[in-house]
């Protein structure tokens, strides 16, 4: 099974809640979609940007989404007592049952 491991820090000087983090996650996902649409010409605009620059900008927005998702994981663990290690294993089991993974 191919995996991509990504470690992102717990941000300090923030007091996120489950709700505020969920809203921020949606905002960041919207920004990712906006960048993809704009830089891929999906909004009708003629795109004259270098492909490498476009892909890097998309990656930057994707990392914003990932950081916000990680922040939400910290909130789930710290404020709601969720065992994310167990939840990750359950998620992997679900993916395998659906045929998306093979061991």
Protein backbone atom coordinates (compact mmCIF):
# COMPACT_ATOMS: atom_id res chain seq x y z
CA UNK A 1 0.00 0.00 0.00
CA UNK A 2 1.42 3.37 -1.03
CA UNK A 3 1.07 6.05 1.63
CA UNK A 4 1.93 9.72 1.90
CA UNK A 5 2.89 10.78 5.41
CA UNK A 6 2.56 14.43 6.29
CA UNK A 7 3.31 15.90 9.70
CA UNK A 8 1.96 19.37 10.37
CA UNK A 9 2.26 21.22 13.68
CA UNK A 10 -0.33 22.13 16.26
CA UNK A 11 -0.73 25.87 15.80
CA UNK A 12 -0.34 28.01 18.88
CA UNK A 13 -1.97 31.32 19.78
CA UNK A 14 -5.27 29.95 18.50
CA UNK A 15 -8.32 28.80 20.39
CA UNK A 16 -10.12 26.79 17.74
CA UNK A 17 -13.42 25.09 18.33
CA UNK A 18 -14.90 22.27 16.33
CA UNK A 19 -17.28 24.73 14.65
CA UNK A 20 -14.72 27.45 13.90
CA UNK A 21 -12.30 24.90 12.49
CA UNK A 22 -14.98 23.29 10.31
CA UNK A 23 -15.85 26.71 8.88
CA UNK A 24 -12.16 27.47 8.27
CA UNK A 25 -11.76 24.11 6.55
CA UNK A 26 -14.61 24.94 4.18
CA UNK A 27 -13.10 28.38 3.51
CA UNK A 28 -9.71 26.87 2.67
CA UNK A 29 -11.30 24.20 0.45
CA UNK A 30 -13.14 26.99 -1.37
CA UNK A 31 -9.89 28.86 -1.91
CA UNK A 32 -8.34 25.68 -3.34
CA UNK A 33 -11.26 25.27 -5.73
CA UNK A 34 -11.04 28.93 -6.69
CA UNK A 35 -7.34 28.69 -7.53
CA UNK A 36 -7.87 25.55 -9.58
CA UNK A 37 -10.76 27.15 -11.46
CA UNK A 38 -8.97 30.42 -12.10
CA UNK A 39 -5.58 29.02 -13.03
CA UNK A 40 -7.02 26.24 -15.17
CA UNK A 41 -9.23 28.67 -17.08
CA UNK A 42 -12.46 27.09 -15.86
CA UNK A 43 -14.02 30.49 -15.18
CA UNK A 44 -13.67 31.58 -18.79
CA UNK A 45 -10.52 33.62 -18.23
CA UNK A 46 -7.58 33.16 -20.56
CA UNK A 47 -4.70 31.77 -18.51
CA UNK A 48 -1.19 32.90 -19.36
CA UNK A 49 0.63 31.64 -16.27
CA UNK A 50 3.52 29.22 -16.28
CA UNK A 51 2.35 25.65 -15.52
CA UNK A 52 4.94 25.21 -12.76
CA UNK A 53 3.70 28.38 -11.03
CA UNK A 54 0.09 27.19 -11.32
CA UNK A 55 0.85 23.80 -9.78
CA UNK A 56 2.83 25.39 -6.93
CA UNK A 57 -0.04 27.76 -6.13
CA UNK A 58 -2.47 24.83 -6.09
CA UNK A 59 -0.09 22.96 -3.76
CA UNK A 60 0.08 25.98 -1.42
CA UNK A 61 -3.70 26.07 -1.14
CA UNK A 62 -3.84 22.30 -0.64
CA UNK A 63 -1.41 22.64 2.27
CA UNK A 64 -3.67 25.29 3.82
CA UNK A 65 -6.51 22.76 3.63
CA UNK A 66 -4.30 20.06 5.16
CA UNK A 67 -3.14 22.35 8.01
CA UNK A 68 -6.71 23.23 8.85
CA UNK A 69 -7.70 19.55 8.80
CA UNK A 70 -4.81 18.76 11.16
CA UNK A 71 -5.93 21.58 13.44
CA UNK A 72 -9.39 20.02 13.49
CA UNK A 73 -7.83 16.68 14.44
CA UNK A 74 -6.12 18.32 17.42
CA UNK A 75 -9.47 19.83 18.44
CA UNK A 76 -11.15 16.41 18.16
CA UNK A 77 -8.47 14.82 20.36
CA UNK A 78 -8.07 17.57 22.93
CA UNK A 79 -11.62 18.84 23.31
CA UNK A 80 -13.66 15.75 22.48
CA UNK A 81 -11.43 12.84 23.53
CA UNK A 82 -11.36 11.18 20.11
CA UNK A 83 -8.63 8.55 19.61
CA UNK A 84 -7.46 9.44 16.12
CA UNK A 85 -5.08 6.48 15.89
CA UNK A 86 -8.07 4.17 16.29
CA UNK A 87 -10.12 6.27 13.88
CA UNK A 88 -7.38 6.15 11.24
CA UNK A 89 -7.28 2.35 11.47
CA UNK A 90 -11.08 2.20 11.15
CA UNK A 91 -10.83 4.49 8.11
CA UNK A 92 -8.20 2.26 6.49
CA UNK A 93 -10.35 -0.81 7.20
CA UNK A 94 -13.32 0.93 5.54
CA UNK A 95 -11.25 1.78 2.47
CA UNK A 96 -10.10 -1.81 2.22
CA UNK A 97 -13.68 -3.13 2.56
CA UNK A 98 -14.77 -0.84 -0.27
CA UNK A 99 -11.99 -2.18 -2.47
CA UNK A 100 -9.95 1.02 -2.55
CA UNK A 101 -6.98 -0.65 -0.80
CA UNK A 102 -5.42 -4.07 -0.75
CA UNK A 103 -3.11 -5.28 1.98
